[in-house]
Amino acid sequence: MEGTEQARPIWHCGEWYASHDHMPPGPVTLRVTGECRFRTTGYRVELRRREPNPWHPEDLLLELIVEEPPPSGIVGPGFTTLEARYEEETDAEYKTVTILTESVTVPVEDVH
């Protein structure tokens, strides 16, 4: 069927997890991870902090940045899985993290 290959998504991200690590010796660290799966090699992913959410300060806003391979670059066939990761030292007690690009909100697990 013509056009079917183009209609399939090039990438998909999921398996989002957020934790606020309070374990000694410190420092207190918030970590957010997810897995992004691509149909070829050559991609890069990054989670970038956005401005605080003025309506919900307990919700950290992150943007998923996906860099495609350069048009002149060589990519390999087959699926590639990359980890999207964000980490910061903070005493802010976030309850949730929202990945804006994915329209996903995940709870933050407190680790003591």
Protein backbone atom coordinates (compact mmCIF):
# COMPACT_ATOMS: atom_id res chain seq x y z
CA MET A 1 0.00 0.00 0.00
CA GLU A 2 1.51 3.30 -1.07
CA GLY A 3 2.36 5.83 1.64
CA THR A 4 2.14 3.36 4.52
CA GLU A 5 5.85 3.57 5.36
CA GLN A 6 5.65 7.37 5.72
CA ALA A 7 2.60 7.21 7.99
CA ARG A 8 4.35 5.07 10.63
CA PRO A 9 6.04 7.10 13.39
CA ILE A 10 9.81 7.40 13.22
CA TRP A 11 10.16 7.25 17.00
CA HIS A 12 8.27 6.52 20.21
CA CYS A 13 9.13 7.36 23.84
CA GLY A 14 7.75 5.78 26.99
CA GLU A 15 8.66 3.96 30.21
CA TRP A 16 8.84 7.32 32.01
CA TYR A 17 10.01 7.25 35.64
CA ALA A 18 10.75 10.04 38.14
CA SER A 19 12.32 9.75 41.59
CA HIS A 20 13.44 12.17 44.28
CA ASP A 21 16.43 10.58 46.02
CA HIS A 22 16.75 11.63 49.68
CA MET A 23 19.23 8.86 50.60
CA PRO A 24 22.33 9.85 52.58
CA PRO A 25 24.98 11.06 52.08
CA GLY A 26 23.15 13.40 49.68
CA PRO A 27 22.76 15.68 47.92
CA VAL A 28 19.01 15.35 47.35
CA THR A 29 18.58 14.58 43.64
CA LEU A 30 15.61 14.45 41.29
CA ARG A 31 15.99 11.99 38.40
CA VAL A 32 13.72 11.52 35.39
CA THR A 33 14.25 8.81 32.78
CA GLY A 34 12.46 7.43 29.76
CA GLU A 35 13.21 5.23 26.77
CA CYS A 36 12.99 6.46 23.19
CA ARG A 37 12.94 3.96 20.35
CA PHE A 38 13.92 4.98 16.81
CA ARG A 39 13.66 3.18 13.46
CA THR A 40 17.28 4.02 12.55
CA THR A 41 20.52 5.06 14.21
CA GLY A 42 21.85 8.61 14.45
CA TYR A 43 19.30 10.24 16.79
CA ARG A 44 20.02 12.08 20.06
CA VAL A 45 17.60 12.79 22.91
CA GLU A 46 17.64 15.23 25.80
CA LEU A 47 15.24 16.33 28.52
CA ARG A 48 15.39 20.08 29.09
CA ARG A 49 13.88 22.01 32.01
CA ARG A 50 11.19 24.57 31.19
CA GLU A 51 10.00 27.55 33.18
CA PRO A 52 8.26 26.60 36.44
CA ASN A 53 4.56 25.85 36.24
CA PRO A 54 2.94 28.91 37.91
CA TRP A 55 -0.38 27.10 38.46
CA HIS A 56 1.17 23.90 39.85
CA PRO A 57 4.61 24.57 41.40
CA GLU A 58 4.80 20.92 42.54
CA ASP A 59 4.84 19.85 38.85
CA LEU A 60 8.23 20.03 37.09
CA LEU A 61 7.95 20.80 33.37
CA LEU A 62 10.42 19.15 31.00
CA GLU A 63 10.65 19.24 27.23
CA LEU A 64 11.83 16.24 25.25
CA ILE A 65 14.31 17.34 22.59
CA VAL A 66 14.88 14.89 19.72
CA GLU A 67 17.72 15.61 17.31
CA GLU A 68 17.38 13.84 14.00
CA PRO A 69 20.44 12.57 12.12
CA PRO A 70 21.85 15.12 9.67
CA PRO A 71 20.44 14.72 6.14
CA SER A 72 23.90 13.96 4.78
CA GLY A 73 24.73 11.60 7.66
CA ILE A 74 24.91 7.84 7.38
CA VAL A 75 22.35 5.96 9.46
CA GLY A 76 22.08 2.27 10.10
CA PRO A 77 18.96 0.16 9.75
CA GLY A 78 17.16 -1.41 12.67
CA PHE A 79 15.71 -0.09 15.87
CA THR A 80 17.78 1.92 18.35
CA THR A 81 16.76 2.59 21.97
CA LEU A 82 18.15 5.65 23.75
CA GLU A 83 17.64 6.80 27.33
CA ALA A 84 16.21 10.27 27.83
CA ARG A 85 17.53 11.52 31.19
CA TYR A 86 17.24 14.58 33.38
CA GLU A 87 18.89 15.08 36.77
CA GLU A 88 19.12 18.00 39.17
CA GLU A 89 20.02 18.59 42.79
CA THR A 90 16.99 20.20 44.43
CA ASP A 91 15.17 20.50 47.71
CA ALA A 92 11.93 21.32 45.86
CA GLU A 93 9.39 18.59 46.59
CA TYR A 94 7.90 17.88 43.17
CA LYS A 95 4.87 15.59 43.13
CA THR A 96 4.79 15.12 39.35
CA VAL A 97 6.88 15.66 36.24
CA THR A 98 5.23 16.59 32.95
CA ILE A 99 7.02 15.81 29.69
CA LEU A 100 5.45 18.53 27.55
CA THR A 101 6.48 17.14 24.17
CA GLU A 102 4.86 13.80 25.01
CA SER A 103 1.86 15.21 26.94
CA VAL A 104 2.68 12.76 29.74
CA THR A 105 2.63 13.38 33.49
CA VAL A 106 4.37 10.91 35.79
CA PRO A 107 4.33 10.76 39.60
CA VAL A 108 7.57 11.37 41.47
CA GLU A 109 8.58 8.50 43.75
CA ASP A 110 10.25 9.59 46.99
CA VAL A 111 13.26 7.42 47.87
CA HIS A 112 14.32 7.65 51.55
